C-alpha cells in the first residue's frame, strides 16, 4: 500500500522500512505510528520476507522521537497496540530487525533502535533518552531495554543525566554492533541482512524467540527446559527447512531455504 510518512521497499527477502519525515528529523506522530504498525504487520505475515532494516530519511536523523511540536499544537498522539513506531510493544515478531541509525536517535528514536535486534550506526549517529528535559520519561521501552543491553549502572548514567552518546561510545558500551561511514551505512546493513538470509530463516526465528523469552525466565534451567514450547522453536522442528539443512550438508550443496 501507499504510505505518506514512511517508505517500504523489498529487496529479495529483505524489507527496508524508512521513517520518511526528514523535515522534522523523522519525528513521529500518530499517523506515522499507525502506518508503521500496518507495515510491520505485513512484514510479519509475509513468508517471503525474512529480515527487516529500519532507517531514517535524509542524512541528519534516524528519528528525533516523539513529534513534540505536533503534540504541543494539539495533534493526536495515539499509538497502536504495537507501541511507538508500531514496534516498541511488538513482542511476537520473530523475524530479525536491523536498525541502520543514520544520525540523531533521540528519545523514541533511540527506543526504536533498541527494539531492533542489531544496531549499526553511522559515524555521525548520536543516541540519547532526553525525555526528562521536557518533563517526560522514556516509557516506550527505553528504560527497560537499555539496562538489559548494557547493564543497570551504565544505563542509569545515561538515563539520569539525559546525556548524548556517540556511535563510537555506543559500540564501547555494547548497544551498537558496528560503526560505519555515513556513506556506507546502508551497505553495511544490507551486508548484515545478506549474511542472515544465508542461514535457515526458521532457525533464525527460533533463535531470536528463544533468546528473548529465555531472558524473561526466572532461571537458566527454566529457560532451557521451556524453550521447546516456544512457537517459533516448535515451528522449526516441523518445517521443511529442518529437513533441508541436514540434507544439503550431507549432499555437499548450498541449502535451498523456504522459510516454512
C-alpha atoms as a PDB file:
ATOM      1  CA  UNK A   1       0.000   0.000   0.000  1.00  0.00           C
ATOM      2  CA  UNK A   2       0.977   3.647  -0.382  1.00  0.00           C
ATOM      3  CA  UNK A   3       2.253   5.368   2.748  1.00  0.00           C
ATOM      4  CA  UNK A   4       2.515   9.084   3.493  1.00  0.00           C
ATOM      5  CA  UNK A   5       5.016   9.122   6.355  1.00  0.00           C
ATOM      6  CA  UNK A   6       7.170   6.045   5.726  1.00  0.00           C
ATOM      7  CA  UNK A   7       8.661   4.164   2.789  1.00  0.00           C
ATOM      8  CA  UNK A   8       8.668   0.386   2.499  1.00  0.00           C
ATOM      9  CA  UNK A   9      10.882  -1.323  -0.076  1.00  0.00           C
ATOM     10  CA  UNK A  10      11.555  -5.006  -0.657  1.00  0.00           C
ATOM     11  CA  UNK A  11      14.899  -6.279  -1.901  1.00  0.00           C
ATOM     12  CA  UNK A  12      14.506 -10.025  -2.251  1.00  0.00           C
ATOM     13  CA  UNK A  13      13.813 -11.401   1.238  1.00  0.00           C
ATOM     14  CA  UNK A  14      14.779  -8.111   2.912  1.00  0.00           C
ATOM     15  CA  UNK A  15      12.285  -5.345   3.738  1.00  0.00           C
ATOM     16  CA  UNK A  16      13.634  -1.810   4.244  1.00  0.00           C
ATOM     17  CA  UNK A  17      11.482   0.488   6.405  1.00  0.00           C
ATOM     18  CA  UNK A  18      12.378   4.179   6.100  1.00  0.00           C
ATOM     19  CA  UNK A  19      10.973   6.760   8.516  1.00  0.00           C
ATOM     20  CA  UNK A  20      10.151   9.461   5.980  1.00  0.00           C
ATOM     21  CA  UNK A  21       9.592  12.780   7.756  1.00  0.00           C
ATOM     22  CA  UNK A  22      13.005  14.428   7.265  1.00  0.00           C
ATOM     23  CA  UNK A  23      11.508  17.914   7.608  1.00  0.00           C
ATOM     24  CA  UNK A  24      11.008  17.163  11.340  1.00  0.00           C
ATOM     25  CA  UNK A  25      14.075  14.915  11.729  1.00  0.00           C
ATOM     26  CA  UNK A  26      11.836  11.859  11.272  1.00  0.00           C
ATOM     27  CA  UNK A  27       9.958  12.575  14.492  1.00  0.00           C
ATOM     28  CA  UNK A  28       6.789  10.519  14.652  1.00  0.00           C
ATOM     29  CA  UNK A  29       3.167  11.410  15.252  1.00  0.00           C
ATOM     30  CA  UNK A  30       0.035   9.288  15.431  1.00  0.00           C
ATOM     31  CA  UNK A  31      -0.455   8.768  11.648  1.00  0.00           C
ATOM     32  CA  UNK A  32       3.155   7.603  11.308  1.00  0.00           C
ATOM     33  CA  UNK A  33       2.779   5.153  14.206  1.00  0.00           C
ATOM     34  CA  UNK A  34      -0.239   3.543  12.575  1.00  0.00           C
ATOM     35  CA  UNK A  35       1.439   3.343   9.169  1.00  0.00           C
ATOM     36  CA  UNK A  36       4.396   1.562  10.766  1.00  0.00           C
ATOM     37  CA  UNK A  37       2.025  -0.749  12.632  1.00  0.00           C
ATOM     38  CA  UNK A  38       0.482  -1.822   9.313  1.00  0.00           C
ATOM     39  CA  UNK A  39       3.883  -2.159   7.625  1.00  0.00           C
ATOM     40  CA  UNK A  40       5.329  -4.356  10.377  1.00  0.00           C
ATOM     41  CA  UNK A  41       2.150  -6.454  10.405  1.00  0.00           C
ATOM     42  CA  UNK A  42       2.561  -7.044   6.663  1.00  0.00           C
ATOM     43  CA  UNK A  43       6.245  -7.903   7.110  1.00  0.00           C
ATOM     44  CA  UNK A  44       5.479 -10.382   9.878  1.00  0.00           C
ATOM     45  CA  UNK A  45       2.800 -12.101   7.775  1.00  0.00           C
ATOM     46  CA  UNK A  46       4.810 -12.338   4.528  1.00  0.00           C
ATOM     47  CA  UNK A  47       6.563 -15.737   4.328  1.00  0.00           C
ATOM     48  CA  UNK A  48       8.923 -14.410   1.650  1.00  0.00           C
ATOM     49  CA  UNK A  49      10.300 -11.610   3.847  1.00  0.00           C
ATOM     50  CA  UNK A  50      12.968 -12.800   6.278  1.00  0.00           C
ATOM     51  CA  UNK A  51      14.898  -9.763   7.569  1.00  0.00           C
ATOM     52  CA  UNK A  52      13.990  -6.102   8.111  1.00  0.00           C
ATOM     53  CA  UNK A  53      16.141  -2.967   8.091  1.00  0.00           C
ATOM     54  CA  UNK A  54      14.839   0.193   9.789  1.00  0.00           C
ATOM     55  CA  UNK A  55      16.402   3.558   8.913  1.00  0.00           C
ATOM     56  CA  UNK A  56      15.562   7.243   8.553  1.00  0.00           C
ATOM     57  CA  UNK A  57      15.260   9.522   5.539  1.00  0.00           C
ATOM     58  CA  UNK A  58      17.958  12.143   4.987  1.00  0.00           C
ATOM     59  CA  UNK A  59      21.427  12.395   6.469  1.00  0.00           C
ATOM     60  CA  UNK A  60      20.681  14.126   9.787  1.00  0.00           C
ATOM     61  CA  UNK A  61      18.358  11.896  11.754  1.00  0.00           C
ATOM     62  CA  UNK A  62      17.269   8.339  12.280  1.00  0.00           C
ATOM     63  CA  UNK A  63      14.429   9.719  14.385  1.00  0.00           C
ATOM     64  CA  UNK A  64      14.145  12.564  16.869  1.00  0.00           C
ATOM     65  CA  UNK A  65      11.435  10.543  18.605  1.00  0.00           C
ATOM     66  CA  UNK A  66       8.057  11.959  19.550  1.00  0.00           C
ATOM     67  CA  UNK A  67       6.874  14.898  17.416  1.00  0.00           C
ATOM     68  CA  UNK A  68       6.647  17.398  20.274  1.00  0.00           C
ATOM     69  CA  UNK A  69       5.515  20.272  18.052  1.00  0.00           C
ATOM     70  CA  UNK A  70       2.632  18.175  16.775  1.00  0.00           C
ATOM     71  CA  UNK A  71       1.764  17.302  20.384  1.00  0.00           C
ATOM     72  CA  UNK A  72       2.106  20.894  21.625  1.00  0.00           C
ATOM     73  CA  UNK A  73      -0.300  22.182  18.971  1.00  0.00           C
ATOM     74  CA  UNK A  74      -2.987  19.697  19.990  1.00  0.00           C
ATOM     75  CA  UNK A  75      -2.250  16.983  17.463  1.00  0.00           C
ATOM     76  CA  UNK A  76      -3.471  13.494  18.229  1.00  0.00           C
ATOM     77  CA  UNK A  77      -0.771  11.326  19.842  1.00  0.00           C
ATOM     78  CA  UNK A  78      -2.383   7.876  19.941  1.00  0.00           C
ATOM     79  CA  UNK A  79      -0.197   4.829  19.392  1.00  0.00           C
ATOM     80  CA  UNK A  80      -1.291   1.403  18.121  1.00  0.00           C
ATOM     81  CA  UNK A  81      -1.202  -1.673  20.406  1.00  0.00           C
ATOM     82  CA  UNK A  82       2.254  -2.444  18.972  1.00  0.00           C
ATOM     83  CA  UNK A  83       3.574   0.735  20.579  1.00  0.00           C
ATOM     84  CA  UNK A  84       5.772   3.622  19.438  1.00  0.00           C
ATOM     85  CA  UNK A  85       6.549   3.262  15.714  1.00  0.00           C
ATOM     86  CA  UNK A  86       4.386   0.150  15.655  1.00  0.00           C
ATOM     87  CA  UNK A  87       7.353  -1.661  17.176  1.00  0.00           C
ATOM     88  CA  UNK A  88       8.275  -0.959  20.800  1.00  0.00           C
ATOM     89  CA  UNK A  89       5.440  -3.121  22.222  1.00  0.00           C
ATOM     90  CA  UNK A  90       5.565  -5.731  19.452  1.00  0.00           C
ATOM     91  CA  UNK A  91       6.797  -8.789  21.331  1.00  0.00           C
ATOM     92  CA  UNK A  92       5.801 -11.556  18.911  1.00  0.00           C
ATOM     93  CA  UNK A  93       7.955 -10.637  15.885  1.00  0.00           C
ATOM     94  CA  UNK A  94      10.487 -13.431  15.438  1.00  0.00           C
ATOM     95  CA  UNK A  95      11.967 -12.107  12.193  1.00  0.00           C
ATOM     96  CA  UNK A  96      15.201 -10.177  12.833  1.00  0.00           C
ATOM     97  CA  UNK A  97      15.354  -6.394  12.549  1.00  0.00           C
ATOM     98  CA  UNK A  98      18.478  -4.318  11.930  1.00  0.00           C
ATOM     99  CA  UNK A  99      18.463  -0.628  12.899  1.00  0.00           C
ATOM    100  CA  UNK A 100      20.601   1.387  10.447  1.00  0.00           C
ATOM    101  CA  UNK A 101      20.977   4.548  12.526  1.00  0.00           C
ATOM    102  CA  UNK A 102      21.939   7.330  10.138  1.00  0.00           C
ATOM    103  CA  UNK A 103      22.065  10.289  12.532  1.00  0.00           C
ATOM    104  CA  UNK A 104      20.232  11.505  15.615  1.00  0.00           C
ATOM    105  CA  UNK A 105      18.380   8.796  17.553  1.00  0.00           C
ATOM    106  CA  UNK A 106      16.763  10.671  20.398  1.00  0.00           C
ATOM    107  CA  UNK A 107      14.069   9.547  22.817  1.00  0.00           C
ATOM    108  CA  UNK A 108      11.593   7.449  20.904  1.00  0.00           C
ATOM    109  CA  UNK A 109      14.090   7.240  18.063  1.00  0.00           C
ATOM    110  CA  UNK A 110      16.582   5.506  20.366  1.00  0.00           C
ATOM    111  CA  UNK A 111      13.753   3.314  21.641  1.00  0.00           C
ATOM    112  CA  UNK A 112      13.007   2.206  18.064  1.00  0.00           C
ATOM    113  CA  UNK A 113      16.654   1.241  17.609  1.00  0.00           C
ATOM    114  CA  UNK A 114      16.697  -0.621  20.926  1.00  0.00           C
ATOM    115  CA  UNK A 115      13.569  -2.534  19.860  1.00  0.00           C
ATOM    116  CA  UNK A 116      15.536  -3.874  16.883  1.00  0.00           C
ATOM    117  CA  UNK A 117      17.857  -6.844  17.312  1.00  0.00           C
ATOM    118  CA  UNK A 118      21.057  -5.330  15.894  1.00  0.00           C
ATOM    119  CA  UNK A 119      22.146  -1.675  15.717  1.00  0.00           C
ATOM    120  CA  UNK A 120      24.526  -0.494  13.011  1.00  0.00           C
ATOM    121  CA  UNK A 121      25.335   3.197  13.393  1.00  0.00           C
ATOM    122  CA  UNK A 122      26.865   5.780  11.098  1.00  0.00           C
ATOM    123  CA  UNK A 123      29.837   7.696  12.441  1.00  0.00           C
ATOM    124  CA  UNK A 124      27.640  10.759  12.963  1.00  0.00           C
ATOM    125  CA  UNK A 125      24.934   8.910  14.927  1.00  0.00           C
ATOM    126  CA  UNK A 126      24.019  10.259  18.361  1.00  0.00           C
ATOM    127  CA  UNK A 127      21.922   8.429  20.964  1.00  0.00           C
ATOM    128  CA  UNK A 128      20.065   9.795  23.972  1.00  0.00           C
ATOM    129  CA  UNK A 129      16.987   9.425  26.145  1.00  0.00           C
ATOM    130  CA  UNK A 130      16.381  13.149  26.754  1.00  0.00           C
ATOM    131  CA  UNK A 131      12.727  12.918  27.832  1.00  0.00           C
ATOM    132  CA  UNK A 132      13.336  14.353  31.359  1.00  0.00           C
ATOM    133  CA  UNK A 133      14.495  17.612  29.722  1.00  0.00           C
ATOM    134  CA  UNK A 134      10.888  18.188  28.614  1.00  0.00           C
ATOM    135  CA  UNK A 135       9.141  16.645  31.618  1.00  0.00           C
ATOM    136  CA  UNK A 136       8.616  13.207  30.077  1.00  0.00           C
ATOM    137  CA  UNK A 137      10.107   9.732  30.547  1.00  0.00           C
ATOM    138  CA  UNK A 138      11.279   7.095  28.074  1.00  0.00           C
ATOM    139  CA  UNK A 139       8.356   4.757  28.714  1.00  0.00           C
ATOM    140  CA  UNK A 140       8.269   3.196  25.240  1.00  0.00           C
ATOM    141  CA  UNK A 141      10.794   0.591  26.291  1.00  0.00           C
ATOM    142  CA  UNK A 142      13.976   2.633  26.623  1.00  0.00           C
ATOM    143  CA  UNK A 143      14.028   2.493  30.423  1.00  0.00           C
ATOM    144  CA  UNK A 144      13.844  -1.299  30.277  1.00  0.00           C
ATOM    145  CA  UNK A 145      15.731  -2.270  27.118  1.00  0.00           C
ATOM    146  CA  UNK A 146      18.807  -0.108  27.732  1.00  0.00           C
ATOM    147  CA  UNK A 147      19.648  -1.640  31.161  1.00  0.00           C
ATOM    148  CA  UNK A 148      19.174  -5.096  29.692  1.00  0.00           C
ATOM    149  CA  UNK A 149      21.516  -4.199  26.834  1.00  0.00           C
ATOM    150  CA  UNK A 150      24.391  -2.540  28.713  1.00  0.00           C
ATOM    151  CA  UNK A 151      23.838  -3.167  32.424  1.00  0.00           C
ATOM    152  CA  UNK A 152      21.983  -1.166  35.036  1.00  0.00           C
ATOM    153  CA  UNK A 153      24.714   1.209  36.231  1.00  0.00           C
ATOM    154  CA  UNK A 154      25.862   2.293  32.782  1.00  0.00           C
ATOM    155  CA  UNK A 155      22.271   2.682  31.642  1.00  0.00           C
ATOM    156  CA  UNK A 156      21.362   4.765  34.691  1.00  0.00           C
ATOM    157  CA  UNK A 157      24.284   7.082  33.980  1.00  0.00           C
ATOM    158  CA  UNK A 158      22.747   7.768  30.563  1.00  0.00           C
ATOM    159  CA  UNK A 159      19.118   7.871  31.705  1.00  0.00           C
ATOM    160  CA  UNK A 160      19.516  10.086  34.780  1.00  0.00           C
ATOM    161  CA  UNK A 161      21.666  12.678  33.005  1.00  0.00           C
ATOM    162  CA  UNK A 162      19.920  12.558  29.594  1.00  0.00           C
ATOM    163  CA  UNK A 163      23.364  12.814  28.067  1.00  0.00           C
ATOM    164  CA  UNK A 164      24.196  12.224  24.413  1.00  0.00           C
ATOM    165  CA  UNK A 165      26.294   9.229  23.386  1.00  0.00           C
ATOM    166  CA  UNK A 166      28.241   8.985  20.139  1.00  0.00           C
ATOM    167  CA  UNK A 167      28.224   5.952  17.862  1.00  0.00           C
ATOM    168  CA  UNK A 168      31.760   5.083  18.990  1.00  0.00           C
ATOM    169  CA  UNK A 169      30.781   5.201  22.671  1.00  0.00           C
ATOM    170  CA  UNK A 170      27.628   3.221  21.892  1.00  0.00           C
ATOM    171  CA  UNK A 171      29.823   0.482  20.482  1.00  0.00           C
ATOM    172  CA  UNK A 172      32.054   0.629  23.550  1.00  0.00           C
ATOM    173  CA  UNK A 173      29.004   0.405  25.836  1.00  0.00           C
ATOM    174  CA  UNK A 174      27.702  -2.529  23.826  1.00  0.00           C
ATOM    175  CA  UNK A 175      24.389  -1.463  22.312  1.00  0.00           C
ATOM    176  CA  UNK A 176      25.922  -0.688  18.891  1.00  0.00           C
ATOM    177  CA  UNK A 177      27.292  -3.662  16.942  1.00  0.00           C
ATOM    178  CA  UNK A 178      29.051  -1.799  14.116  1.00  0.00           C
ATOM    179  CA  UNK A 179      30.027   1.780  13.292  1.00  0.00           C
ATOM    180  CA  UNK A 180      30.126   2.572   9.570  1.00  0.00           C
ATOM    181  CA  UNK A 181      30.942   5.667   7.500  1.00  0.00           C
ATOM    182  CA  UNK A 182      27.760   7.594   6.764  1.00  0.00           C
ATOM    183  CA  UNK A 183      28.027   6.861   3.044  1.00  0.00           C
ATOM    184  CA  UNK A 184      28.444   3.139   3.731  1.00  0.00           C
ATOM    185  CA  UNK A 185      25.788   2.660   6.400  1.00  0.00           C
ATOM    186  CA  UNK A 186      23.152   1.009   4.237  1.00  0.00           C
ATOM    187  CA  UNK A 187      25.790  -1.139   2.549  1.00  0.00           C
ATOM    188  CA  UNK A 188      26.791  -2.412   5.988  1.00  0.00           C
ATOM    189  CA  UNK A 189      23.154  -3.034   6.938  1.00  0.00           C
ATOM    190  CA  UNK A 190      22.475  -4.856   3.672  1.00  0.00           C
ATOM    191  CA  UNK A 191      25.614  -6.970   4.145  1.00  0.00           C
ATOM    192  CA  UNK A 192      24.427  -7.955   7.622  1.00  0.00           C
ATOM    193  CA  UNK A 193      20.966  -8.795   6.255  1.00  0.00           C
ATOM    194  CA  UNK A 194      22.512 -10.857   3.449  1.00  0.00           C
ATOM    195  CA  UNK A 195      24.556 -12.855   5.957  1.00  0.00           C
ATOM    196  CA  UNK A 196      21.422 -13.574   7.988  1.00  0.00           C
ATOM    197  CA  UNK A 197      19.487 -14.584   4.865  1.00  0.00           C
ATOM    198  CA  UNK A 198      22.121 -17.197   4.051  1.00  0.00           C
ATOM    199  CA  UNK A 199      21.114 -19.029   7.232  1.00  0.00           C
ATOM    200  CA  UNK A 200      17.966 -21.024   7.847  1.00  0.00           C
ATOM    201  CA  UNK A 201      15.180 -18.471   8.410  1.00  0.00           C
ATOM    202  CA  UNK A 202      13.241 -20.838  10.639  1.00  0.00           C
ATOM    203  CA  UNK A 203      16.401 -21.362  12.697  1.00  0.00           C
ATOM    204  CA  UNK A 204      16.925 -17.608  12.973  1.00  0.00           C
ATOM    205  CA  UNK A 205      13.345 -17.042  14.173  1.00  0.00           C
ATOM    206  CA  UNK A 206      13.607 -19.873  16.690  1.00  0.00           C
ATOM    207  CA  UNK A 207      16.922 -18.487  17.942  1.00  0.00           C
ATOM    208  CA  UNK A 208      15.569 -14.952  18.351  1.00  0.00           C
ATOM    209  CA  UNK A 209      12.485 -16.163  20.188  1.00  0.00           C
ATOM    210  CA  UNK A 210      14.464 -18.476  22.470  1.00  0.00           C
ATOM    211  CA  UNK A 211      16.881 -15.692  23.443  1.00  0.00           C
ATOM    212  CA  UNK A 212      14.220 -13.117  24.343  1.00  0.00           C
ATOM    213  CA  UNK A 213      11.776 -15.489  26.005  1.00  0.00           C
ATOM    214  CA  UNK A 214      14.628 -17.204  27.811  1.00  0.00           C
ATOM    215  CA  UNK A 215      15.788 -13.893  29.275  1.00  0.00           C
ATOM    216  CA  UNK A 216      12.323 -13.493  30.793  1.00  0.00           C
ATOM    217  CA  UNK A 217      12.503 -16.879  32.549  1.00  0.00           C
ATOM    218  CA  UNK A 218      13.445 -16.834  36.251  1.00  0.00           C
ATOM    219  CA  UNK A 219      16.348 -19.293  35.899  1.00  0.00           C
ATOM    220  CA  UNK A 220      18.651 -20.737  33.259  1.00  0.00           C
ATOM    221  CA  UNK A 221      17.137 -24.157  33.886  1.00  0.00           C
ATOM    222  CA  UNK A 222      13.631 -22.829  33.232  1.00  0.00           C
ATOM    223  CA  UNK A 223      14.820 -21.201  30.000  1.00  0.00           C
ATOM    224  CA  UNK A 224      16.397 -24.395  28.690  1.00  0.00           C
ATOM    225  CA  UNK A 225      13.563 -26.682  29.764  1.00  0.00           C
ATOM    226  CA  UNK A 226      10.885 -24.382  28.417  1.00  0.00           C
ATOM    227  CA  UNK A 227      12.326 -23.465  25.028  1.00  0.00           C
ATOM    228  CA  UNK A 228      10.716 -26.297  23.041  1.00  0.00           C
ATOM    229  CA  UNK A 229       7.324 -24.849  23.901  1.00  0.00           C
ATOM    230  CA  UNK A 230       8.034 -21.531  22.174  1.00  0.00           C
ATOM    231  CA  UNK A 231       6.036 -21.185  18.914  1.00  0.00           C
ATOM    232  CA  UNK A 232       8.971 -20.421  16.591  1.00  0.00           C
ATOM    233  CA  UNK A 233      11.025 -23.244  18.103  1.00  0.00           C
ATOM    234  CA  UNK A 234       8.135 -25.685  17.667  1.00  0.00           C
ATOM    235  CA  UNK A 235       7.651 -24.466  14.082  1.00  0.00           C
ATOM    236  CA  UNK A 236      11.329 -25.112  13.333  1.00  0.00           C
ATOM    237  CA  UNK A 237      11.018 -28.799  14.231  1.00  0.00           C
ATOM    238  CA  UNK A 238       8.088 -29.336  11.840  1.00  0.00           C
ATOM    239  CA  UNK A 239       9.398 -27.196   8.971  1.00  0.00           C
ATOM    240  CA  UNK A 240      10.698 -28.223   5.563  1.00  0.00           C
ATOM    241  CA  UNK A 241      13.879 -26.281   6.342  1.00  0.00           C
ATOM    242  CA  UNK A 242      14.541 -28.563   9.331  1.00  0.00           C
ATOM    243  CA  UNK A 243      14.918 -31.432   6.843  1.00  0.00           C
ATOM    244  CA  UNK A 244      16.613 -29.403   4.114  1.00  0.00           C
ATOM    245  CA  UNK A 245      19.557 -28.208   6.207  1.00  0.00           C
ATOM    246  CA  UNK A 246      21.000 -31.625   7.140  1.00  0.00           C
ATOM    247  CA  UNK A 247      20.171 -32.986   3.668  1.00  0.00           C
ATOM    248  CA  UNK A 248      22.064 -30.155   1.944  1.00  0.00           C
ATOM    249  CA  UNK A 249      25.011 -30.704   4.286  1.00  0.00           C
ATOM    250  CA  UNK A 250      25.076 -34.417   3.502  1.00  0.00           C
ATOM    251  CA  UNK A 251      24.874 -33.729  -0.238  1.00  0.00           C
ATOM    252  CA  UNK A 252      27.590 -31.054  -0.006  1.00  0.00           C
ATOM    253  CA  UNK A 253      25.450 -28.318  -1.576  1.00  0.00           C
ATOM    254  CA  UNK A 254      24.015 -24.985  -0.523  1.00  0.00           C
ATOM    255  CA  UNK A 255      20.649 -25.357   1.221  1.00  0.00           C
ATOM    256  CA  UNK A 256      17.526 -24.094  -0.517  1.00  0.00           C
ATOM    257  CA  UNK A 257      15.677 -22.446   2.319  1.00  0.00           C
ATOM    258  CA  UNK A 258      11.924 -21.916   2.078  1.00  0.00           C
ATOM    259  CA  UNK A 259      11.250 -20.203   5.387  1.00  0.00           C
ATOM    260  CA  UNK A 260       8.476 -22.631   6.207  1.00  0.00           C
END
